[in-house]
Amino acid sequence: MNKSELPYQIEKTLLRLLKKASYDSSFRKLCLSDPRLAFRQCSNVDLPEGMNIKFVEENQSIQKEDHMLVFTLPAFDEGQLDDEELDSITGCSIAIAQSAVTCID
């Protein structure tokens, strides 16, 4: 992959990650405890050196940290079907819910 594709790959991975965190409780815990590993599990790409991410629950306070992208995890839905289950029923994909993003310099 060339450098021009990296931002697209990161965005795509983050959307996949946020969606998975909305229905997989063990993965959600991984996002909170080791965000780099959670990112790696959703992609074949490591986060670039110097790029830091953090995931927080909806009502969690955010401490200022240098060069940190902070993402609020979507609400957890235990009854939500994953993509494969939904596709087998409807033949279409799930739309990814928006998530709050805070950039801290």
C-alpha atoms as a PDB file:
ATOM      1  CA  MET A   1       0.000   0.000   0.000  1.00  0.00           C
ATOM      2  CA  ASN A   2       1.321   3.442  -0.839  1.00  0.00           C
ATOM      3  CA  LYS A   3       1.186   6.452   1.507  1.00  0.00           C
ATOM      4  CA  SER A   4      -1.719   8.059  -0.349  1.00  0.00           C
ATOM      5  CA  GLU A   5      -3.943   5.070   0.532  1.00  0.00           C
ATOM      6  CA  LEU A   6      -3.069   5.148   4.242  1.00  0.00           C
ATOM      7  CA  PRO A   7      -5.646   7.776   5.370  1.00  0.00           C
ATOM      8  CA  TYR A   8      -8.416   5.858   3.590  1.00  0.00           C
ATOM      9  CA  GLN A   9      -7.274   2.564   5.153  1.00  0.00           C
ATOM     10  CA  ILE A  10      -7.169   4.135   8.628  1.00  0.00           C
ATOM     11  CA  GLU A  11     -10.655   5.614   8.227  1.00  0.00           C
ATOM     12  CA  LYS A  12     -12.053   2.320   6.940  1.00  0.00           C
ATOM     13  CA  THR A  13     -10.482   0.420   9.824  1.00  0.00           C
ATOM     14  CA  LEU A  14     -11.797   2.869  12.421  1.00  0.00           C
ATOM     15  CA  LEU A  15     -15.338   2.546  11.080  1.00  0.00           C
ATOM     16  CA  ARG A  16     -15.073  -1.254  11.203  1.00  0.00           C
ATOM     17  CA  LEU A  17     -13.618  -1.078  14.709  1.00  0.00           C
ATOM     18  CA  LEU A  18     -16.351   1.231  16.053  1.00  0.00           C
ATOM     19  CA  LYS A  19     -19.046  -0.982  14.607  1.00  0.00           C
ATOM     20  CA  LYS A  20     -17.550  -4.140  16.119  1.00  0.00           C
ATOM     21  CA  ALA A  21     -17.232  -2.412  19.507  1.00  0.00           C
ATOM     22  CA  SER A  22     -20.981  -1.769  19.439  1.00  0.00           C
ATOM     23  CA  TYR A  23     -21.859  -5.487  19.628  1.00  0.00           C
ATOM     24  CA  ASP A  24     -18.772  -7.430  20.804  1.00  0.00           C
ATOM     25  CA  SER A  25     -18.169  -6.841  24.533  1.00  0.00           C
ATOM     26  CA  SER A  26     -14.721  -8.478  24.676  1.00  0.00           C
ATOM     27  CA  PHE A  27     -13.534  -6.447  21.682  1.00  0.00           C
ATOM     28  CA  ARG A  28     -14.973  -3.296  23.282  1.00  0.00           C
ATOM     29  CA  LYS A  29     -12.868  -3.992  26.386  1.00  0.00           C
ATOM     30  CA  LEU A  30      -9.809  -4.402  24.150  1.00  0.00           C
ATOM     31  CA  CYS A  31     -10.511  -1.007  22.537  1.00  0.00           C
ATOM     32  CA  LEU A  32     -10.499   0.581  25.971  1.00  0.00           C
ATOM     33  CA  SER A  33      -7.415  -1.234  27.269  1.00  0.00           C
ATOM     34  CA  ASP A  34      -5.192  -1.560  24.154  1.00  0.00           C
ATOM     35  CA  PRO A  35      -6.440   0.602  21.265  1.00  0.00           C
ATOM     36  CA  ARG A  36      -3.438  -0.109  19.020  1.00  0.00           C
ATOM     37  CA  LEU A  37      -4.003  -3.867  19.259  1.00  0.00           C
ATOM     38  CA  ALA A  38      -7.744  -3.413  18.643  1.00  0.00           C
ATOM     39  CA  PHE A  39      -6.910  -1.366  15.528  1.00  0.00           C
ATOM     40  CA  ARG A  40      -4.469  -4.042  14.338  1.00  0.00           C
ATOM     41  CA  GLN A  41      -7.127  -6.758  14.754  1.00  0.00           C
ATOM     42  CA  CYS A  42      -9.437  -4.864  12.366  1.00  0.00           C
ATOM     43  CA  SER A  43      -6.802  -4.187   9.724  1.00  0.00           C
ATOM     44  CA  ASN A  44      -3.634  -5.417   8.095  1.00  0.00           C
ATOM     45  CA  VAL A  45      -2.127  -2.021   8.819  1.00  0.00           C
ATOM     46  CA  ASP A  46      -0.476  -0.756  12.006  1.00  0.00           C
ATOM     47  CA  LEU A  47      -1.114   2.795  13.109  1.00  0.00           C
ATOM     48  CA  PRO A  48       1.737   5.039  11.982  1.00  0.00           C
ATOM     49  CA  GLU A  49       4.365   5.866  14.621  1.00  0.00           C
ATOM     50  CA  GLY A  50       3.401   9.031  16.433  1.00  0.00           C
ATOM     51  CA  MET A  51      -0.312   8.561  15.768  1.00  0.00           C
ATOM     52  CA  ASN A  52      -2.083   7.770  19.002  1.00  0.00           C
ATOM     53  CA  ILE A  53      -5.712   6.803  19.494  1.00  0.00           C
ATOM     54  CA  LYS A  54      -7.847   6.323  22.542  1.00  0.00           C
ATOM     55  CA  PHE A  55     -11.384   5.017  22.940  1.00  0.00           C
ATOM     56  CA  VAL A  56     -13.693   6.155  25.723  1.00  0.00           C
ATOM     57  CA  GLU A  57     -17.200   5.351  26.862  1.00  0.00           C
ATOM     58  CA  GLU A  58     -19.910   7.900  26.154  1.00  0.00           C
ATOM     59  CA  ASN A  59     -19.900   9.652  29.538  1.00  0.00           C
ATOM     60  CA  GLN A  60     -16.194   9.281  30.273  1.00  0.00           C
ATOM     61  CA  SER A  61     -14.181  12.445  30.804  1.00  0.00           C
ATOM     62  CA  ILE A  62     -11.271  13.042  28.437  1.00  0.00           C
ATOM     63  CA  GLN A  63      -7.848  14.079  29.706  1.00  0.00           C
ATOM     64  CA  LYS A  64      -5.814  16.250  27.376  1.00  0.00           C
ATOM     65  CA  GLU A  65      -2.920  14.334  25.833  1.00  0.00           C
ATOM     66  CA  ASP A  66      -0.591  15.546  23.096  1.00  0.00           C
ATOM     67  CA  HIS A  67      -1.345  14.393  19.548  1.00  0.00           C
ATOM     68  CA  MET A  68      -4.181  12.089  20.562  1.00  0.00           C
ATOM     69  CA  LEU A  69      -7.278  11.192  18.549  1.00  0.00           C
ATOM     70  CA  VAL A  70     -10.056  10.274  20.973  1.00  0.00           C
ATOM     71  CA  PHE A  71     -13.103   8.305  19.789  1.00  0.00           C
ATOM     72  CA  THR A  72     -16.276   7.817  21.797  1.00  0.00           C
ATOM     73  CA  LEU A  73     -17.438   4.222  21.404  1.00  0.00           C
ATOM     74  CA  PRO A  74     -21.001   3.810  20.109  1.00  0.00           C
ATOM     75  CA  ALA A  75     -23.687   2.557  22.466  1.00  0.00           C
ATOM     76  CA  PHE A  76     -23.412  -1.169  23.141  1.00  0.00           C
ATOM     77  CA  ASP A  77     -26.282  -3.196  21.658  1.00  0.00           C
ATOM     78  CA  GLU A  78     -26.347  -6.806  22.815  1.00  0.00           C
ATOM     79  CA  GLY A  79     -29.194  -7.659  20.450  1.00  0.00           C
ATOM     80  CA  GLN A  80     -27.595  -6.279  17.283  1.00  0.00           C
ATOM     81  CA  LEU A  81     -26.894  -8.695  14.456  1.00  0.00           C
ATOM     82  CA  ASP A  82     -23.438  -8.728  12.950  1.00  0.00           C
ATOM     83  CA  ASP A  83     -22.930  -8.175   9.194  1.00  0.00           C
ATOM     84  CA  GLU A  84     -23.026 -11.859   8.242  1.00  0.00           C
ATOM     85  CA  GLU A  85     -26.209 -12.524  10.230  1.00  0.00           C
ATOM     86  CA  LEU A  86     -27.930  -9.503   8.718  1.00  0.00           C
ATOM     87  CA  ASP A  87     -26.795 -10.353   5.183  1.00  0.00           C
ATOM     88  CA  SER A  88     -28.172 -13.872   5.522  1.00  0.00           C
ATOM     89  CA  ILE A  89     -31.573 -12.447   6.442  1.00  0.00           C
ATOM     90  CA  THR A  90     -31.857  -9.357   4.238  1.00  0.00           C
ATOM     91  CA  GLY A  91     -29.116  -9.582   1.631  1.00  0.00           C
ATOM     92  CA  CYS A  92     -27.821  -6.105   2.468  1.00  0.00           C
ATOM     93  CA  SER A  93     -25.241  -4.517   4.757  1.00  0.00           C
ATOM     94  CA  ILE A  94     -25.568  -2.603   7.997  1.00  0.00           C
ATOM     95  CA  ALA A  95     -25.006   1.148   7.827  1.00  0.00           C
ATOM     96  CA  ILE A  96     -22.283   2.228  10.229  1.00  0.00           C
ATOM     97  CA  ALA A  97     -23.465   4.540  13.000  1.00  0.00           C
ATOM     98  CA  GLN A  98     -21.738   7.871  13.463  1.00  0.00           C
ATOM     99  CA  SER A  99     -19.382   8.149  16.420  1.00  0.00           C
ATOM    100  CA  ALA A 100     -18.150  11.240  18.216  1.00  0.00           C
ATOM    101  CA  VAL A 101     -14.552  12.138  17.483  1.00  0.00           C
ATOM    102  CA  THR A 102     -12.432  14.555  19.500  1.00  0.00           C
ATOM    103  CA  CYS A 103      -9.008  15.653  18.280  1.00  0.00           C
ATOM    104  CA  ILE A 104      -6.677  16.869  21.014  1.00  0.00           C
ATOM    105  CA  ASP A 105      -3.428  18.692  20.197  1.00  0.00           C
END
